C-alpha atoms as a PDB file:
ATOM      1  CA  MET A   1      -3.426   0.524 -25.198  1.00  0.00           C
ATOM      2  CA  SER A   2      -4.561   0.136 -21.597  1.00  0.00           C
ATOM      3  CA  ALA A   3      -6.629   2.873 -20.011  1.00  0.00           C
ATOM      4  CA  TYR A   4      -4.125   3.423 -17.193  1.00  0.00           C
ATOM      5  CA  LYS A   5      -1.289   3.823 -19.714  1.00  0.00           C
ATOM      6  CA  GLN A   6      -3.355   6.338 -21.664  1.00  0.00           C
ATOM      7  CA  ALA A   7      -3.917   8.217 -18.409  1.00  0.00           C
ATOM      8  CA  GLY A   8      -0.158   8.255 -17.833  1.00  0.00           C
ATOM      9  CA  ILE A   9      -0.111   6.269 -14.569  1.00  0.00           C
ATOM     10  CA  SER A  10       1.427   2.945 -13.549  1.00  0.00           C
ATOM     11  CA  LEU A  11      -0.535  -0.244 -12.990  1.00  0.00           C
ATOM     12  CA  ASN A  12       0.181  -0.066  -9.240  1.00  0.00           C
ATOM     13  CA  LYS A  13      -1.217   3.467  -9.071  1.00  0.00           C
ATOM     14  CA  ALA A  14      -4.321   2.414 -11.042  1.00  0.00           C
ATOM     15  CA  LEU A  15      -4.904  -0.524  -8.662  1.00  0.00           C
ATOM     16  CA  SER A  16      -4.438   1.774  -5.672  1.00  0.00           C
ATOM     17  CA  ILE A  17      -7.034   4.179  -7.030  1.00  0.00           C
ATOM     18  CA  ALA A  18      -9.470   1.319  -7.676  1.00  0.00           C
ATOM     19  CA  ALA A  19      -8.998  -0.106  -4.160  1.00  0.00           C
ATOM     20  CA  ARG A  20      -9.501   3.319  -2.578  1.00  0.00           C
ATOM     21  CA  THR A  21     -12.692   3.799  -4.627  1.00  0.00           C
ATOM     22  CA  VAL A  22     -14.097   0.429  -3.555  1.00  0.00           C
ATOM     23  CA  ARG A  23     -13.288   1.089   0.118  1.00  0.00           C
ATOM     24  CA  ALA A  24     -14.994   4.488  -0.087  1.00  0.00           C
ATOM     25  CA  SER A  25     -18.175   2.921  -1.509  1.00  0.00           C
ATOM     26  CA  LEU A  26     -18.609   0.348   1.291  1.00  0.00           C
ATOM     27  CA  LYS A  27     -21.196   0.520   4.053  1.00  0.00           C
ATOM     28  CA  PRO A  28     -19.836   2.015   7.314  1.00  0.00           C
ATOM     29  CA  GLU A  29     -19.602  -1.338   9.163  1.00  0.00           C
ATOM     30  CA  ALA A  30     -17.514  -2.916   6.369  1.00  0.00           C
ATOM     31  CA  LYS A  31     -15.548   0.264   5.665  1.00  0.00           C
ATOM     32  CA  ALA A  32     -13.601   0.227   8.954  1.00  0.00           C
ATOM     33  CA  ALA A  33     -12.376  -3.346   8.427  1.00  0.00           C
ATOM     34  CA  ALA A  34     -11.389  -2.634   4.819  1.00  0.00           C
ATOM     35  CA  GLU A  35      -9.422   0.473   5.783  1.00  0.00           C
ATOM     36  CA  ARG A  36      -7.456  -1.505   8.390  1.00  0.00           C
ATOM     37  CA  ARG A  37      -6.524  -4.074   5.720  1.00  0.00           C
ATOM     38  CA  GLY A  38      -5.405  -1.283   3.389  1.00  0.00           C
ATOM     39  CA  PHE A  39      -2.692  -0.089   5.795  1.00  0.00           C
ATOM     40  CA  THR A  40       0.822  -1.495   5.321  1.00  0.00           C
ATOM     41  CA  GLU A  41       3.759  -0.978   7.637  1.00  0.00           C
ATOM     42  CA  VAL A  42       7.255  -1.804   6.405  1.00  0.00           C
ATOM     43  CA  LYS A  43      10.382  -1.983   8.527  1.00  0.00           C
ATOM     44  CA  ALA A  44      13.982  -2.424   7.393  1.00  0.00           C
ATOM     45  CA  ILE A  45      16.693  -4.429   9.139  1.00  0.00           C
ATOM     46  CA  LYS A  46      20.315  -3.968   8.139  1.00  0.00           C
ATOM     47  CA  ILE A  47      22.674  -6.946   8.553  1.00  0.00           C
ATOM     48  CA  GLU A  48      26.403  -6.292   8.910  1.00  0.00           C
ATOM     49  CA  ASN A  49      28.946  -9.015   9.705  1.00  0.00           C
ATOM     50  CA  GLY A  50      26.145 -11.445  10.578  1.00  0.00           C
ATOM     51  CA  VAL A  51      24.599  -9.096  13.163  1.00  0.00           C
ATOM     52  CA  GLN A  52      21.261  -7.452  12.514  1.00  0.00           C
ATOM     53  CA  SER A  53      20.358  -3.932  13.565  1.00  0.00           C
ATOM     54  CA  GLU A  54      17.132  -2.854  15.232  1.00  0.00           C
ATOM     55  CA  PRO A  55      14.116  -2.746  12.891  1.00  0.00           C
ATOM     56  CA  ARG A  56      13.321   0.798  11.764  1.00  0.00           C
ATOM     57  CA  PRO A  57      10.432   2.164   9.717  1.00  0.00           C
ATOM     58  CA  LEU A  58      11.127   2.377   6.016  1.00  0.00           C
ATOM     59  CA  SER A  59      10.221   5.975   5.221  1.00  0.00           C
ATOM     60  CA  GLY A  60      10.853   7.825   1.997  1.00  0.00           C
END
């Protein structure tokens, strides 16, 4: 059985933890660029009758 399954977390969560750990271990000059790449912004657009609405942030 995989280590992340034994820990009771999903693969996505395990990869997120690993990425965060790697970014934290970088030198300061590389850390800023890596943290910018780690940010994701998602927007949703609803289409009704062939007309799209304004994009809005997809928040939980």
